[in-house]
């Protein structure tokens, strides 16, 4: 027998990503679990961010962002970037992460992340507690070691992490 529950964000698991925003001088990292693909052609993604977050205004100003896919080795950085505000600390410096220049946009990615999606902002939708930033993927960077022979990404070998309502899971071989 199924039981009706009140409406909640019950979709799970979801990817955990580190989103970079800003430019080379003023950059922030935010941990996001409300993200996903919207369209494959053209390739659109979204990240949902509360208006009070520091990254919110940086993305609005630059109209771009990078979705960085962290691996298991970056779990402590993922936790820290989700707790500390970029208004108070330089997360790149605190976490000893490297800004990696993007190819198509000004916002840098995170070198230590194996996969980076460079995105140009297309629109912002007010969805309530969060606003949804819709971005077009304009470039994808992937470490060569995580590519299949046919030129696609091998997600199994990348050890990516997901969020499962209060638990973190790892995608492993």
Foldseek 3Di string as FASTA:
>chain_A
DDDDDDDDPQDDWFFWWWKWFAFPVQIATAIFRPKDWDDVVQTKMKTWDAPVAPRNVRCVVQQWMKTFFAAPVCVVLNVVRHPDGSVVDHSCVVVVWDFAQDDPGRTTDTPNGQKMFIWGFDDWACPDRIIMTMTGGPDMHGDPVQADPVGHGNQQPRQTWIDGPVDIDTRHD
